[in-house]
Amino acid sequence: GWCPLSPAEAQSTQLLVKPPWTPAVLWDRVTLTCQGSGTPGDTTWYKDGRKWWEKKPDHFLVTESGTYKCERAGTGLSNPVSVLNAPLVLQVQTGTLLEGDTVTLRCRG
């Protein structure tokens, strides 16, 4: 037998945020990591809808607020991630949340 894979999950580029809280804030020393097929050093980065960095490493420390995406050969563009420069934020841990889940919120400034 065989087990079909979901195309959206099996062949997609993912943009991971560390620390894993949303919204991400600049003063939290946020690292973005692009995961997908291909060579890690062949990642294209987009900032605020424009090509920003080409053929670069798969991760970096964010130093400017904005909305980021990455692209890897064969798996396409990632989901967008916004990094804010806000003085006060209400954050929740990243990940899939379903109705009825218990969540931890944190207010930070």
N, C-alpha and C. Protein backbone atom coordinates (compact mmCIF):
# COMPACT_ATOMS: atom_id res chain seq x y z
N GLY A 1 0.83 -1.19 0.00
CA GLY A 1 0.00 0.00 0.00
C GLY A 1 0.87 1.25 0.00
N TRP A 2 0.22 2.37 -0.11
CA TRP A 2 0.93 3.64 -0.10
C TRP A 2 0.14 4.65 0.69
N CYS A 3 0.84 5.65 1.17
CA CYS A 3 0.21 6.69 1.99
C CYS A 3 0.37 8.02 1.26
N PRO A 4 -0.73 8.63 0.81
CA PRO A 4 -0.59 9.91 0.11
C PRO A 4 -0.16 11.02 1.06
N LEU A 5 0.67 11.91 0.55
CA LEU A 5 1.12 13.05 1.34
C LEU A 5 0.32 14.28 0.94
N SER A 6 0.08 15.14 1.89
CA SER A 6 -0.58 16.41 1.60
C SER A 6 0.40 17.30 0.86
N PRO A 7 0.08 17.73 -0.37
CA PRO A 7 1.01 18.58 -1.12
C PRO A 7 1.36 19.86 -0.38
N ALA A 8 0.41 20.42 0.35
CA ALA A 8 0.66 21.67 1.06
C ALA A 8 1.72 21.50 2.15
N GLU A 9 1.78 20.31 2.75
CA GLU A 9 2.74 20.09 3.83
C GLU A 9 4.01 19.43 3.33
N ALA A 10 3.89 18.53 2.35
CA ALA A 10 5.04 17.78 1.89
C ALA A 10 6.01 18.65 1.09
N GLN A 11 5.48 19.63 0.36
CA GLN A 11 6.33 20.43 -0.50
C GLN A 11 6.03 21.91 -0.31
N SER A 12 6.29 22.40 0.88
CA SER A 12 6.09 23.83 1.11
C SER A 12 7.28 24.40 1.87
N THR A 13 7.52 25.67 1.64
CA THR A 13 8.58 26.38 2.34
C THR A 13 7.98 26.95 3.62
N GLN A 14 8.65 26.74 4.73
CA GLN A 14 8.18 27.23 6.02
C GLN A 14 9.14 28.27 6.58
N LEU A 15 8.58 29.33 7.14
CA LEU A 15 9.39 30.36 7.78
C LEU A 15 9.17 30.24 9.29
N LEU A 16 10.21 29.83 10.01
CA LEU A 16 10.13 29.60 11.45
C LEU A 16 10.64 30.81 12.21
N VAL A 17 10.00 31.09 13.35
CA VAL A 17 10.32 32.25 14.17
C VAL A 17 10.86 31.79 15.52
N LYS A 18 11.98 32.36 15.95
CA LYS A 18 12.53 32.06 17.26
C LYS A 18 12.86 33.38 17.95
N PRO A 19 12.38 33.64 19.13
CA PRO A 19 11.52 32.80 19.97
C PRO A 19 10.12 32.64 19.36
N PRO A 20 9.46 31.52 19.68
CA PRO A 20 8.21 31.16 19.01
C PRO A 20 6.97 31.87 19.57
N TRP A 21 6.95 33.20 19.49
CA TRP A 21 5.81 33.99 19.96
C TRP A 21 5.32 34.89 18.85
N THR A 22 4.02 35.10 18.80
CA THR A 22 3.46 36.01 17.80
C THR A 22 2.54 37.02 18.47
N PRO A 23 2.58 38.29 18.11
CA PRO A 23 3.44 38.83 17.06
C PRO A 23 4.90 38.89 17.52
N ALA A 24 5.79 38.73 16.55
CA ALA A 24 7.22 38.85 16.83
C ALA A 24 7.56 40.33 16.97
N VAL A 25 8.46 40.63 17.91
CA VAL A 25 8.86 42.02 18.14
C VAL A 25 10.37 42.16 18.01
N LEU A 26 10.79 43.26 17.43
CA LEU A 26 12.19 43.50 17.12
C LEU A 26 13.10 43.36 18.34
N TRP A 27 12.66 43.90 19.49
CA TRP A 27 13.52 43.88 20.67
C TRP A 27 13.64 42.51 21.32
N ASP A 28 12.98 41.50 20.74
CA ASP A 28 13.05 40.13 21.26
C ASP A 28 14.19 39.33 20.61
N ARG A 29 15.04 40.01 19.79
CA ARG A 29 16.14 39.35 19.08
C ARG A 29 15.62 38.15 18.28
N VAL A 30 14.76 38.43 17.33
CA VAL A 30 14.07 37.42 16.54
C VAL A 30 15.00 36.85 15.46
N THR A 31 15.04 35.52 15.36
CA THR A 31 15.75 34.83 14.29
C THR A 31 14.71 34.18 13.39
N LEU A 32 14.82 34.41 12.08
CA LEU A 32 13.96 33.76 11.10
C LEU A 32 14.76 32.66 10.42
N THR A 33 14.15 31.48 10.25
CA THR A 33 14.79 30.36 9.59
C THR A 33 13.87 29.84 8.49
N CYS A 34 14.42 29.71 7.29
CA CYS A 34 13.68 29.24 6.13
C CYS A 34 13.93 27.75 5.95
N GLN A 35 12.85 26.97 5.93
CA GLN A 35 12.97 25.52 5.74
C GLN A 35 12.28 25.11 4.46
N GLY A 36 12.97 24.29 3.66
CA GLY A 36 12.42 23.79 2.41
C GLY A 36 13.49 22.98 1.72
N SER A 37 13.16 22.48 0.53
CA SER A 37 14.15 21.68 -0.19
C SER A 37 15.23 22.59 -0.79
N GLY A 38 16.26 21.98 -1.30
CA GLY A 38 17.33 22.76 -1.92
C GLY A 38 18.46 23.06 -0.96
N THR A 39 19.39 23.86 -1.40
CA THR A 39 20.57 24.21 -0.63
C THR A 39 20.26 25.33 0.35
N PRO A 40 20.59 25.16 1.65
CA PRO A 40 20.31 26.21 2.63
C PRO A 40 20.92 27.57 2.28
N GLY A 41 22.07 27.58 1.61
CA GLY A 41 22.71 28.84 1.25
C GLY A 41 22.18 29.46 -0.03
N ASP A 42 21.08 28.91 -0.54
CA ASP A 42 20.49 29.41 -1.78
C ASP A 42 19.06 29.88 -1.51
N THR A 43 18.90 30.65 -0.45
CA THR A 43 17.59 31.14 -0.03
C THR A 43 17.41 32.58 -0.51
N THR A 44 16.22 32.87 -1.03
CA THR A 44 15.88 34.23 -1.41
C THR A 44 14.93 34.79 -0.36
N TRP A 45 15.24 35.98 0.13
CA TRP A 45 14.45 36.63 1.17
C TRP A 45 13.70 37.83 0.59
N TYR A 46 12.49 38.04 1.08
CA TYR A 46 11.66 39.18 0.68
C TYR A 46 11.31 39.97 1.93
N LYS A 47 11.34 41.28 1.80
CA LYS A 47 10.95 42.16 2.91
C LYS A 47 9.95 43.17 2.38
N ASP A 48 8.79 43.24 3.04
CA ASP A 48 7.72 44.17 2.66
C ASP A 48 7.35 44.04 1.18
N GLY A 49 7.29 42.78 0.69
CA GLY A 49 6.83 42.51 -0.66
C GLY A 49 7.87 42.66 -1.76
N ARG A 50 9.10 43.00 -1.40
CA ARG A 50 10.15 43.18 -2.41
C ARG A 50 11.31 42.23 -2.17
N LYS A 51 11.93 41.78 -3.27
CA LYS A 51 13.11 40.93 -3.15
C LYS A 51 14.18 41.73 -2.41
N TRP A 52 14.75 41.11 -1.38
CA TRP A 52 15.60 41.85 -0.45
C TRP A 52 17.02 41.28 -0.40
N TRP A 53 17.11 39.93 -0.44
CA TRP A 53 18.39 39.24 -0.25
C TRP A 53 18.35 37.98 -1.09
N GLU A 54 19.31 37.77 -1.97
CA GLU A 54 19.28 36.61 -2.86
C GLU A 54 20.51 35.74 -2.65
N LYS A 55 20.28 34.42 -2.72
CA LYS A 55 21.35 33.42 -2.53
C LYS A 55 22.07 33.63 -1.19
N LYS A 56 21.26 33.71 -0.15
CA LYS A 56 21.79 33.96 1.19
C LYS A 56 21.52 32.77 2.11
N PRO A 57 22.06 32.80 3.34
CA PRO A 57 21.84 31.70 4.30
C PRO A 57 20.36 31.51 4.62
N ASP A 58 20.05 30.36 5.22
CA ASP A 58 18.66 30.02 5.51
C ASP A 58 18.15 30.64 6.81
N HIS A 59 18.99 31.41 7.54
CA HIS A 59 18.52 32.04 8.77
C HIS A 59 19.28 33.35 9.01
N PHE A 60 18.65 34.25 9.77
CA PHE A 60 19.32 35.49 10.13
C PHE A 60 18.62 36.14 11.31
N LEU A 61 19.33 37.01 12.00
CA LEU A 61 18.80 37.79 13.11
C LEU A 61 18.17 39.05 12.54
N VAL A 62 16.91 39.29 12.83
CA VAL A 62 16.18 40.44 12.28
C VAL A 62 16.64 41.72 12.98
N THR A 63 16.98 42.72 12.17
CA THR A 63 17.41 44.01 12.72
C THR A 63 16.50 45.16 12.30
N GLU A 64 15.52 44.88 11.44
CA GLU A 64 14.57 45.89 10.99
C GLU A 64 13.16 45.33 11.05
N SER A 65 12.20 46.15 11.49
CA SER A 65 10.82 45.69 11.48
C SER A 65 10.35 45.58 10.04
N GLY A 66 9.34 44.75 9.81
CA GLY A 66 8.80 44.56 8.47
C GLY A 66 8.13 43.21 8.34
N THR A 67 7.65 42.92 7.14
CA THR A 67 7.02 41.63 6.85
C THR A 67 7.96 40.84 5.94
N TYR A 68 8.33 39.64 6.38
CA TYR A 68 9.34 38.83 5.70
C TYR A 68 8.72 37.56 5.11
N LYS A 69 9.28 37.14 3.97
CA LYS A 69 9.00 35.84 3.36
C LYS A 69 10.32 35.30 2.86
N CYS A 70 10.36 33.99 2.64
CA CYS A 70 11.54 33.40 2.02
C CYS A 70 11.11 32.46 0.92
N GLU A 71 12.06 32.11 0.07
CA GLU A 71 11.78 31.24 -1.07
C GLU A 71 12.92 30.26 -1.24
N ARG A 72 12.54 29.00 -1.45
CA ARG A 72 13.54 27.96 -1.72
C ARG A 72 13.16 27.27 -3.02
N ALA A 73 14.16 26.91 -3.80
CA ALA A 73 13.92 26.25 -5.09
C ALA A 73 13.12 24.96 -4.88
N GLY A 74 12.06 24.80 -5.64
CA GLY A 74 11.27 23.58 -5.58
C GLY A 74 10.09 23.62 -4.64
N THR A 75 10.14 24.50 -3.63
CA THR A 75 9.03 24.53 -2.68
C THR A 75 8.36 25.90 -2.59
N GLY A 76 8.87 26.89 -3.29
CA GLY A 76 8.19 28.17 -3.41
C GLY A 76 8.33 29.09 -2.22
N LEU A 77 7.38 30.04 -2.15
CA LEU A 77 7.37 31.08 -1.11
C LEU A 77 6.81 30.57 0.20
N SER A 78 7.33 31.11 1.28
CA SER A 78 6.82 30.78 2.62
C SER A 78 5.62 31.64 2.97
N ASN A 79 5.05 31.35 4.11
CA ASN A 79 4.06 32.20 4.73
C ASN A 79 4.74 33.51 5.16
N PRO A 80 4.01 34.63 5.22
CA PRO A 80 4.62 35.87 5.68
C PRO A 80 4.74 35.91 7.20
N VAL A 81 5.78 36.55 7.68
CA VAL A 81 5.97 36.77 9.12
C VAL A 81 6.26 38.25 9.33
N SER A 82 5.47 38.88 10.19
CA SER A 82 5.68 40.29 10.51
C SER A 82 6.47 40.41 11.81
N VAL A 83 7.46 41.29 11.80
CA VAL A 83 8.23 41.60 12.99
C VAL A 83 7.98 43.07 13.29
N LEU A 84 7.39 43.34 14.45
CA LEU A 84 6.98 44.69 14.82
C LEU A 84 8.03 45.39 15.67
N ASN A 85 7.97 46.70 15.66
CA ASN A 85 8.78 47.50 16.56
C ASN A 85 7.81 48.23 17.49
N ALA A 86 7.09 47.45 18.29
CA ALA A 86 6.04 48.00 19.15
C ALA A 86 6.52 48.05 20.60
N PRO A 87 6.12 49.08 21.35
CA PRO A 87 6.56 49.19 22.74
C PRO A 87 5.84 48.22 23.68
N LEU A 88 4.64 47.76 23.29
CA LEU A 88 3.85 46.86 24.14
C LEU A 88 3.11 45.87 23.26
N VAL A 89 3.22 44.57 23.56
CA VAL A 89 2.53 43.55 22.76
C VAL A 89 1.88 42.50 23.65
N LEU A 90 0.78 41.95 23.16
CA LEU A 90 0.14 40.78 23.75
C LEU A 90 0.47 39.62 22.84
N GLN A 91 1.22 38.65 23.35
CA GLN A 91 1.72 37.56 22.51
C GLN A 91 1.10 36.22 22.89
N VAL A 92 1.07 35.33 21.89
CA VAL A 92 0.67 33.94 22.07
C VAL A 92 1.73 33.08 21.38
N GLN A 93 1.94 31.85 21.88
CA GLN A 93 2.93 30.98 21.25
C GLN A 93 2.48 30.62 19.85
N THR A 94 3.45 30.55 18.92
CA THR A 94 3.13 30.19 17.54
C THR A 94 2.74 28.73 17.46
N GLY A 95 2.01 28.39 16.44
CA GLY A 95 1.57 27.02 16.23
C GLY A 95 0.08 27.00 15.95
N THR A 96 -0.41 25.83 15.60
CA THR A 96 -1.82 25.67 15.28
C THR A 96 -2.64 25.62 16.55
N LEU A 97 -3.65 26.45 16.61
CA LEU A 97 -4.56 26.46 17.76
C LEU A 97 -5.95 26.02 17.31
N LEU A 98 -6.56 25.19 18.11
CA LEU A 98 -7.91 24.72 17.83
C LEU A 98 -8.85 25.17 18.94
N GLU A 99 -10.12 25.29 18.62
CA GLU A 99 -11.10 25.69 19.62
C GLU A 99 -11.05 24.71 20.80
N GLY A 100 -11.00 25.27 21.99
CA GLY A 100 -10.93 24.45 23.20
C GLY A 100 -9.52 24.27 23.73
N ASP A 101 -8.50 24.64 22.94
CA ASP A 101 -7.11 24.53 23.40
C ASP A 101 -6.86 25.54 24.52
N THR A 102 -6.01 25.18 25.45
CA THR A 102 -5.56 26.11 26.47
C THR A 102 -4.33 26.84 25.92
N VAL A 103 -4.36 28.16 26.02
CA VAL A 103 -3.23 28.94 25.51
C VAL A 103 -2.64 29.81 26.61
N THR A 104 -1.38 30.12 26.45
CA THR A 104 -0.70 31.05 27.36
C THR A 104 -0.49 32.36 26.62
N LEU A 105 -0.98 33.44 27.19
CA LEU A 105 -0.76 34.77 26.64
C LEU A 105 0.27 35.47 27.51
N ARG A 106 1.02 36.37 26.90
CA ARG A 106 1.93 37.18 27.71
C ARG A 106 1.90 38.61 27.20
N CYS A 107 1.88 39.52 28.15
CA CYS A 107 1.88 40.95 27.84
C CYS A 107 3.29 41.44 28.13
N ARG A 108 3.93 42.01 27.09
CA ARG A 108 5.33 42.38 27.24
C ARG A 108 5.58 43.78 26.74
N GLY A 109 6.51 44.45 27.40
CA GLY A 109 6.87 45.79 26.98
C GLY A 109 8.27 46.13 27.41
